[in-house]
Amino acid sequence: MARERFVEVYSQGVTNVRKVVVDTVTGVNYLLLSSNMTGGCGVSVLVDADGKPLVTPLEGDDRVAFGQLLERE
């Protein structure tokens, strides 16, 4: 089974959804926004105070650290 390229590490909301996903190859963090009220959505790279992309450190075989993943039921 191929590994997932993007892993969800944070989720908030039901109608107005906000998610942070991490690219498991580069470690770059993205913010995804979606609104069921208007049918719109958007995505943006998260940046630090200097305007550089936020990067999650990768471990071993290019996987996001398990402690940063959402717990799955």
C-alpha atoms as a PDB file:
ATOM      1  CA  MET A   1       0.000   0.000   0.000  1.00  0.00           C
ATOM      2  CA  ALA A   2       1.345   3.429  -0.948  1.00  0.00           C
ATOM      3  CA  ARG A   3       1.801   5.974   1.804  1.00  0.00           C
ATOM      4  CA  GLU A   4      -0.453   9.012   1.895  1.00  0.00           C
ATOM      5  CA  ARG A   5       1.074  12.189   0.441  1.00  0.00           C
ATOM      6  CA  PHE A   6      -0.974  14.510   2.685  1.00  0.00           C
ATOM      7  CA  VAL A   7      -1.818  13.809   6.332  1.00  0.00           C
ATOM      8  CA  GLU A   8      -4.399  15.741   8.360  1.00  0.00           C
ATOM      9  CA  VAL A   9      -2.913  16.933  11.653  1.00  0.00           C
ATOM     10  CA  TYR A  10      -5.639  19.331  12.847  1.00  0.00           C
ATOM     11  CA  SER A  11      -9.356  19.746  12.210  1.00  0.00           C
ATOM     12  CA  GLN A  12     -11.916  22.192  13.582  1.00  0.00           C
ATOM     13  CA  GLY A  13     -15.562  22.905  12.785  1.00  0.00           C
ATOM     14  CA  VAL A  14     -18.466  21.167  11.100  1.00  0.00           C
ATOM     15  CA  THR A  15     -20.069  23.783   8.847  1.00  0.00           C
ATOM     16  CA  ASN A  16     -17.059  26.087   8.548  1.00  0.00           C
ATOM     17  CA  VAL A  17     -14.200  23.595   8.473  1.00  0.00           C
ATOM     18  CA  ARG A  18     -10.539  24.393   9.083  1.00  0.00           C
ATOM     19  CA  LYS A  19      -7.874  21.745   8.589  1.00  0.00           C
ATOM     20  CA  VAL A  20      -4.117  21.686   8.674  1.00  0.00           C
ATOM     21  CA  VAL A  21      -2.499  19.078   6.458  1.00  0.00           C
ATOM     22  CA  VAL A  22       1.173  18.186   6.136  1.00  0.00           C
ATOM     23  CA  ASP A  23       2.885  17.078   2.934  1.00  0.00           C
ATOM     24  CA  THR A  24       4.666  13.872   4.013  1.00  0.00           C
ATOM     25  CA  VAL A  25       7.388  14.372   1.398  1.00  0.00           C
ATOM     26  CA  THR A  26       8.337  18.019   2.063  1.00  0.00           C
ATOM     27  CA  GLY A  27       6.914  18.565   5.572  1.00  0.00           C
ATOM     28  CA  VAL A  28       5.215  21.797   4.432  1.00  0.00           C
ATOM     29  CA  ASN A  29       2.010  22.707   6.338  1.00  0.00           C
ATOM     30  CA  TYR A  30      -1.144  23.852   4.522  1.00  0.00           C
ATOM     31  CA  LEU A  31      -4.379  25.404   5.812  1.00  0.00           C
ATOM     32  CA  LEU A  32      -7.590  24.233   4.130  1.00  0.00           C
ATOM     33  CA  LEU A  33     -10.816  26.172   4.653  1.00  0.00           C
ATOM     34  CA  SER A  34     -14.263  25.069   3.557  1.00  0.00           C
ATOM     35  CA  SER A  35     -17.728  26.505   4.069  1.00  0.00           C
ATOM     36  CA  ASN A  36     -20.799  24.372   3.445  1.00  0.00           C
ATOM     37  CA  MET A  37     -22.897  27.535   3.620  1.00  0.00           C
ATOM     38  CA  THR A  38     -21.411  28.962   0.404  1.00  0.00           C
ATOM     39  CA  GLY A  39     -19.827  25.917  -1.195  1.00  0.00           C
ATOM     40  CA  GLY A  40     -16.449  27.685  -1.265  1.00  0.00           C
ATOM     41  CA  CYS A  41     -13.071  26.365  -0.252  1.00  0.00           C
ATOM     42  CA  GLY A  42      -9.485  27.519  -0.155  1.00  0.00           C
ATOM     43  CA  VAL A  43      -5.963  26.361   0.565  1.00  0.00           C
ATOM     44  CA  SER A  44      -2.865  28.273   1.648  1.00  0.00           C
ATOM     45  CA  VAL A  45       0.673  27.518   2.776  1.00  0.00           C
ATOM     46  CA  LEU A  46       1.127  28.350   6.469  1.00  0.00           C
ATOM     47  CA  VAL A  47       4.051  30.711   7.057  1.00  0.00           C
ATOM     48  CA  ASP A  48       6.025  31.900  10.070  1.00  0.00           C
ATOM     49  CA  ALA A  49       6.589  35.519  11.131  1.00  0.00           C
ATOM     50  CA  ASP A  50       9.370  35.864   8.516  1.00  0.00           C
ATOM     51  CA  GLY A  51       7.127  34.622   5.692  1.00  0.00           C
ATOM     52  CA  LYS A  52       8.878  31.256   5.395  1.00  0.00           C
ATOM     53  CA  PRO A  53       6.722  28.108   5.052  1.00  0.00           C
ATOM     54  CA  LEU A  54       6.050  26.203   8.272  1.00  0.00           C
ATOM     55  CA  VAL A  55       7.711  22.810   7.946  1.00  0.00           C
ATOM     56  CA  THR A  56       7.019  19.819  10.177  1.00  0.00           C
ATOM     57  CA  PRO A  57      10.192  17.787  10.805  1.00  0.00           C
ATOM     58  CA  LEU A  58       9.968  14.391   9.115  1.00  0.00           C
ATOM     59  CA  GLU A  59      11.172  11.173  10.681  1.00  0.00           C
ATOM     60  CA  GLY A  60      12.781   8.120   9.164  1.00  0.00           C
ATOM     61  CA  ASP A  61      11.061   7.116   5.948  1.00  0.00           C
ATOM     62  CA  ASP A  62       9.563  10.584   5.253  1.00  0.00           C
ATOM     63  CA  ARG A  63       6.597  10.145   7.580  1.00  0.00           C
ATOM     64  CA  VAL A  64       5.172  12.792   9.876  1.00  0.00           C
ATOM     65  CA  ALA A  65       5.947  12.136  13.552  1.00  0.00           C
ATOM     66  CA  PHE A  66       3.165   9.931  14.936  1.00  0.00           C
ATOM     67  CA  GLY A  67       2.605  12.247  17.901  1.00  0.00           C
ATOM     68  CA  GLN A  68       1.460  14.995  15.523  1.00  0.00           C
ATOM     69  CA  LEU A  69      -1.193  12.929  13.756  1.00  0.00           C
ATOM     70  CA  LEU A  70      -4.851  13.108  14.725  1.00  0.00           C
ATOM     71  CA  GLU A  71      -5.940  10.137  16.765  1.00  0.00           C
ATOM     72  CA  ARG A  72      -8.069   7.883  14.604  1.00  0.00           C
ATOM     73  CA  GLU A  73     -10.927   5.881  16.091  1.00  0.00           C
END
